[in-house]
Amino acid sequence: MVGRTPKPVHIHNLPPVDALVPYPKELRPPIHLDLAELEALRLVELEKLSYDEAGIVMGVSRNTIWRMVESGKEKIISAFFEGRKIEIHKP
């Protein structure tokens, strides 16, 4: 195994859905959004926490929050412009 074992993150709000499906349906493969990315987006974009504050809530560094937010934004925007299903990966 290469690299460090991922540090566990604290998720406080589980979304009530497992996926968002575009209309009309697209046959391309779905985009997989990690639950940690969604939680980071929720804290930073909806709760308006700073990256430092969100990192404390989730138990990770500010840089990790930044990477998760950027990755999540890219995936969501791609899904909208490509009309692809978004699947949320829950543990």
N, C-alpha and C. Protein backbone atom coordinates (compact mmCIF):
# COMPACT_ATOMS: atom_id res chain seq x y z
N MET A 1 0.84 -1.17 0.00
CA MET A 1 0.00 0.00 0.00
C MET A 1 0.89 1.24 0.00
N VAL A 2 0.57 2.21 -0.83
CA VAL A 2 1.36 3.41 -0.97
C VAL A 2 0.64 4.58 -0.29
N GLY A 3 1.38 5.43 0.41
CA GLY A 3 0.79 6.61 1.04
C GLY A 3 0.23 6.31 2.42
N ARG A 4 -0.26 7.39 3.03
CA ARG A 4 -0.83 7.26 4.36
C ARG A 4 -2.28 6.80 4.31
N THR A 5 -2.71 6.21 5.39
CA THR A 5 -4.11 5.84 5.53
C THR A 5 -4.91 7.12 5.69
N PRO A 6 -6.05 7.27 4.97
CA PRO A 6 -6.83 8.49 5.10
C PRO A 6 -7.32 8.71 6.53
N LYS A 7 -7.26 9.95 6.96
CA LYS A 7 -7.71 10.32 8.30
C LYS A 7 -9.24 10.32 8.30
N PRO A 8 -9.87 9.74 9.32
CA PRO A 8 -11.34 9.74 9.34
C PRO A 8 -11.87 11.16 9.53
N VAL A 9 -12.95 11.48 8.84
CA VAL A 9 -13.58 12.80 8.97
C VAL A 9 -14.91 12.64 9.70
N HIS A 10 -15.31 13.68 10.40
CA HIS A 10 -16.57 13.67 11.14
C HIS A 10 -17.67 14.24 10.27
N ILE A 11 -18.71 13.44 10.03
CA ILE A 11 -19.87 13.86 9.25
C ILE A 11 -21.02 14.06 10.23
N HIS A 12 -21.59 15.26 10.26
CA HIS A 12 -22.64 15.56 11.22
C HIS A 12 -24.05 15.50 10.63
N ASN A 13 -24.19 15.74 9.33
CA ASN A 13 -25.50 15.72 8.70
C ASN A 13 -25.47 14.79 7.49
N LEU A 14 -26.23 13.72 7.55
CA LEU A 14 -26.34 12.83 6.40
C LEU A 14 -27.46 13.33 5.49
N PRO A 15 -27.22 13.43 4.19
CA PRO A 15 -28.28 13.87 3.29
C PRO A 15 -29.38 12.81 3.20
N PRO A 16 -30.62 13.24 2.99
CA PRO A 16 -31.72 12.28 2.92
C PRO A 16 -31.78 11.50 1.60
N VAL A 17 -30.93 11.85 0.65
CA VAL A 17 -30.96 11.19 -0.66
C VAL A 17 -29.64 10.48 -0.92
N ASP A 18 -29.67 9.52 -1.84
CA ASP A 18 -28.46 8.80 -2.25
C ASP A 18 -27.96 9.26 -3.61
N ALA A 19 -28.84 9.94 -4.37
CA ALA A 19 -28.46 10.36 -5.71
C ALA A 19 -29.38 11.48 -6.19
N LEU A 20 -28.90 12.21 -7.17
CA LEU A 20 -29.69 13.20 -7.88
C LEU A 20 -29.66 12.80 -9.35
N VAL A 21 -30.83 12.67 -9.95
CA VAL A 21 -30.93 12.16 -11.32
C VAL A 21 -31.40 13.28 -12.24
N PRO A 22 -30.69 13.52 -13.34
CA PRO A 22 -31.08 14.58 -14.26
C PRO A 22 -32.32 14.18 -15.07
N TYR A 23 -33.00 15.18 -15.57
CA TYR A 23 -34.13 14.94 -16.48
C TYR A 23 -33.89 15.78 -17.71
N PRO A 24 -33.89 15.19 -18.88
CA PRO A 24 -34.06 13.77 -19.16
C PRO A 24 -32.82 12.97 -18.74
N LYS A 25 -33.03 11.68 -18.53
CA LYS A 25 -31.94 10.83 -18.04
C LYS A 25 -30.81 10.77 -19.05
N GLU A 26 -29.61 10.74 -18.52
CA GLU A 26 -28.39 10.65 -19.32
C GLU A 26 -27.84 9.24 -19.17
N LEU A 27 -27.31 8.71 -20.26
CA LEU A 27 -26.79 7.34 -20.23
C LEU A 27 -25.31 7.28 -19.87
N ARG A 28 -24.67 8.42 -19.71
CA ARG A 28 -23.26 8.43 -19.34
C ARG A 28 -23.09 7.99 -17.89
N PRO A 29 -21.89 7.56 -17.52
CA PRO A 29 -21.67 7.09 -16.15
C PRO A 29 -21.93 8.21 -15.14
N PRO A 30 -22.39 7.85 -13.94
CA PRO A 30 -22.67 8.86 -12.92
C PRO A 30 -21.38 9.45 -12.35
N ILE A 31 -21.53 10.59 -11.73
CA ILE A 31 -20.42 11.22 -11.01
C ILE A 31 -20.57 10.85 -9.55
N HIS A 32 -19.49 10.41 -8.93
CA HIS A 32 -19.51 9.95 -7.54
C HIS A 32 -19.03 11.07 -6.63
N LEU A 33 -19.92 11.54 -5.76
CA LEU A 33 -19.60 12.59 -4.80
C LEU A 33 -19.42 11.94 -3.43
N ASP A 34 -18.26 12.14 -2.85
CA ASP A 34 -17.96 11.56 -1.55
C ASP A 34 -18.74 12.31 -0.47
N LEU A 35 -19.19 11.60 0.54
CA LEU A 35 -19.94 12.21 1.64
C LEU A 35 -19.12 13.30 2.33
N ALA A 36 -17.83 13.12 2.45
CA ALA A 36 -16.97 14.13 3.07
C ALA A 36 -16.93 15.40 2.22
N GLU A 37 -16.92 15.26 0.90
CA GLU A 37 -16.96 16.43 0.02
C GLU A 37 -18.27 17.19 0.21
N LEU A 38 -19.36 16.47 0.30
CA LEU A 38 -20.67 17.09 0.49
C LEU A 38 -20.75 17.80 1.84
N GLU A 39 -20.22 17.19 2.88
CA GLU A 39 -20.24 17.81 4.20
C GLU A 39 -19.36 19.06 4.22
N ALA A 40 -18.21 19.02 3.57
CA ALA A 40 -17.34 20.20 3.49
C ALA A 40 -18.05 21.33 2.74
N LEU A 41 -18.72 21.00 1.65
CA LEU A 41 -19.48 22.00 0.91
C LEU A 41 -20.60 22.59 1.77
N ARG A 42 -21.29 21.76 2.51
CA ARG A 42 -22.38 22.22 3.37
C ARG A 42 -21.86 23.20 4.41
N LEU A 43 -20.76 22.85 5.06
CA LEU A 43 -20.21 23.71 6.11
C LEU A 43 -19.72 25.04 5.57
N VAL A 44 -19.02 25.00 4.43
CA VAL A 44 -18.42 26.22 3.88
C VAL A 44 -19.44 27.07 3.13
N GLU A 45 -20.26 26.44 2.30
CA GLU A 45 -21.17 27.21 1.43
C GLU A 45 -22.52 27.51 2.08
N LEU A 46 -23.08 26.58 2.84
CA LEU A 46 -24.39 26.82 3.46
C LEU A 46 -24.28 27.40 4.86
N GLU A 47 -23.40 26.83 5.67
CA GLU A 47 -23.25 27.31 7.04
C GLU A 47 -22.32 28.52 7.12
N LYS A 48 -21.63 28.82 6.03
CA LYS A 48 -20.74 29.98 5.93
C LYS A 48 -19.59 29.95 6.94
N LEU A 49 -19.10 28.74 7.24
CA LEU A 49 -17.94 28.61 8.10
C LEU A 49 -16.68 28.87 7.28
N SER A 50 -15.64 29.33 7.93
CA SER A 50 -14.35 29.46 7.24
C SER A 50 -13.78 28.06 7.05
N TYR A 51 -12.74 27.96 6.22
CA TYR A 51 -12.10 26.67 6.02
C TYR A 51 -11.51 26.17 7.34
N ASP A 52 -10.96 27.08 8.14
CA ASP A 52 -10.42 26.70 9.45
C ASP A 52 -11.51 26.14 10.35
N GLU A 53 -12.65 26.84 10.42
CA GLU A 53 -13.76 26.40 11.29
C GLU A 53 -14.32 25.06 10.81
N ALA A 54 -14.49 24.92 9.49
CA ALA A 54 -14.99 23.66 8.94
C ALA A 54 -14.02 22.51 9.23
N GLY A 55 -12.73 22.80 9.17
CA GLY A 55 -11.72 21.78 9.48
C GLY A 55 -11.82 21.31 10.92
N ILE A 56 -12.08 22.24 11.83
CA ILE A 56 -12.23 21.87 13.24
C ILE A 56 -13.47 20.99 13.42
N VAL A 57 -14.58 21.37 12.78
CA VAL A 57 -15.82 20.59 12.89
C VAL A 57 -15.63 19.17 12.35
N MET A 58 -14.93 19.05 11.22
CA MET A 58 -14.76 17.75 10.58
C MET A 58 -13.53 17.00 11.08
N GLY A 59 -12.69 17.65 11.86
CA GLY A 59 -11.51 16.99 12.41
C GLY A 59 -10.38 16.81 11.42
N VAL A 60 -10.28 17.72 10.43
CA VAL A 60 -9.21 17.66 9.44
C VAL A 60 -8.61 19.06 9.29
N SER A 61 -7.57 19.18 8.48
CA SER A 61 -6.90 20.46 8.29
C SER A 61 -7.68 21.37 7.35
N ARG A 62 -7.33 22.65 7.40
CA ARG A 62 -7.92 23.64 6.50
C ARG A 62 -7.64 23.28 5.05
N ASN A 63 -6.43 22.79 4.77
CA ASN A 63 -6.07 22.42 3.40
C ASN A 63 -6.91 21.24 2.90
N THR A 64 -7.20 20.29 3.78
CA THR A 64 -8.04 19.15 3.40
C THR A 64 -9.45 19.63 3.07
N ILE A 65 -9.98 20.56 3.87
CA ILE A 65 -11.31 21.12 3.59
C ILE A 65 -11.30 21.81 2.23
N TRP A 66 -10.26 22.59 1.97
CA TRP A 66 -10.17 23.29 0.69
C TRP A 66 -10.18 22.31 -0.48
N ARG A 67 -9.41 21.23 -0.36
CA ARG A 67 -9.36 20.22 -1.43
C ARG A 67 -10.72 19.56 -1.63
N MET A 68 -11.41 19.23 -0.52
CA MET A 68 -12.73 18.59 -0.63
C MET A 68 -13.75 19.53 -1.25
N VAL A 69 -13.73 20.80 -0.86
CA VAL A 69 -14.67 21.78 -1.43
C VAL A 69 -14.42 21.96 -2.93
N GLU A 70 -13.17 22.12 -3.30
CA GLU A 70 -12.84 22.30 -4.73
C GLU A 70 -13.23 21.07 -5.55
N SER A 71 -12.95 19.89 -5.03
CA SER A 71 -13.30 18.65 -5.73
C SER A 71 -14.81 18.51 -5.86
N GLY A 72 -15.53 18.79 -4.78
CA GLY A 72 -16.99 18.70 -4.80
C GLY A 72 -17.61 19.68 -5.77
N LYS A 73 -17.13 20.92 -5.78
CA LYS A 73 -17.65 21.92 -6.71
C LYS A 73 -17.45 21.47 -8.15
N GLU A 74 -16.25 20.99 -8.45
CA GLU A 74 -15.94 20.55 -9.81
C GLU A 74 -16.88 19.42 -10.25
N LYS A 75 -17.12 18.48 -9.36
CA LYS A 75 -17.98 17.35 -9.69
C LYS A 75 -19.42 17.79 -9.92
N ILE A 76 -19.94 18.66 -9.05
CA ILE A 76 -21.32 19.11 -9.17
C ILE A 76 -21.52 19.94 -10.44
N ILE A 77 -20.59 20.83 -10.73
CA ILE A 77 -20.71 21.66 -11.94
C ILE A 77 -20.61 20.79 -13.19
N SER A 78 -19.70 19.82 -13.17
CA SER A 78 -19.59 18.90 -14.32
C SER A 78 -20.89 18.13 -14.52
N ALA A 79 -21.48 17.67 -13.43
CA ALA A 79 -22.73 16.90 -13.53
C ALA A 79 -23.84 17.75 -14.16
N PHE A 80 -23.95 18.99 -13.77
CA PHE A 80 -24.98 19.86 -14.34
C PHE A 80 -24.75 20.13 -15.81
N PHE A 81 -23.53 20.45 -16.19
CA PHE A 81 -23.26 20.79 -17.58
C PHE A 81 -23.22 19.57 -18.49
N GLU A 82 -22.95 18.41 -17.94
CA GLU A 82 -22.93 17.19 -18.73
C GLU A 82 -24.21 16.38 -18.58
N GLY A 83 -25.13 16.83 -17.73
CA GLY A 83 -26.40 16.14 -17.52
C GLY A 83 -26.23 14.75 -16.94
N ARG A 84 -25.29 14.59 -16.00
CA ARG A 84 -25.01 13.27 -15.44
C ARG A 84 -25.57 13.13 -14.03
N LYS A 85 -25.90 11.91 -13.68
CA LYS A 85 -26.40 11.59 -12.35
C LYS A 85 -25.29 11.80 -11.32
N ILE A 86 -25.67 12.32 -10.13
CA ILE A 86 -24.72 12.47 -9.02
C ILE A 86 -25.08 11.42 -7.98
N GLU A 87 -24.14 10.52 -7.70
CA GLU A 87 -24.34 9.52 -6.66
C GLU A 87 -23.53 9.91 -5.43
N ILE A 88 -24.16 9.87 -4.27
CA ILE A 88 -23.50 10.22 -3.02
C ILE A 88 -23.08 8.95 -2.32
N HIS A 89 -21.78 8.83 -2.09
CA HIS A 89 -21.26 7.61 -1.44
C HIS A 89 -21.27 7.76 0.05
N LYS A 90 -22.14 6.99 0.70
CA LYS A 90 -22.24 6.98 2.15
C LYS A 90 -21.50 5.75 2.67
N PRO A 91 -20.88 5.86 3.86
CA PRO A 91 -20.15 4.71 4.42
C PRO A 91 -21.07 3.58 4.81
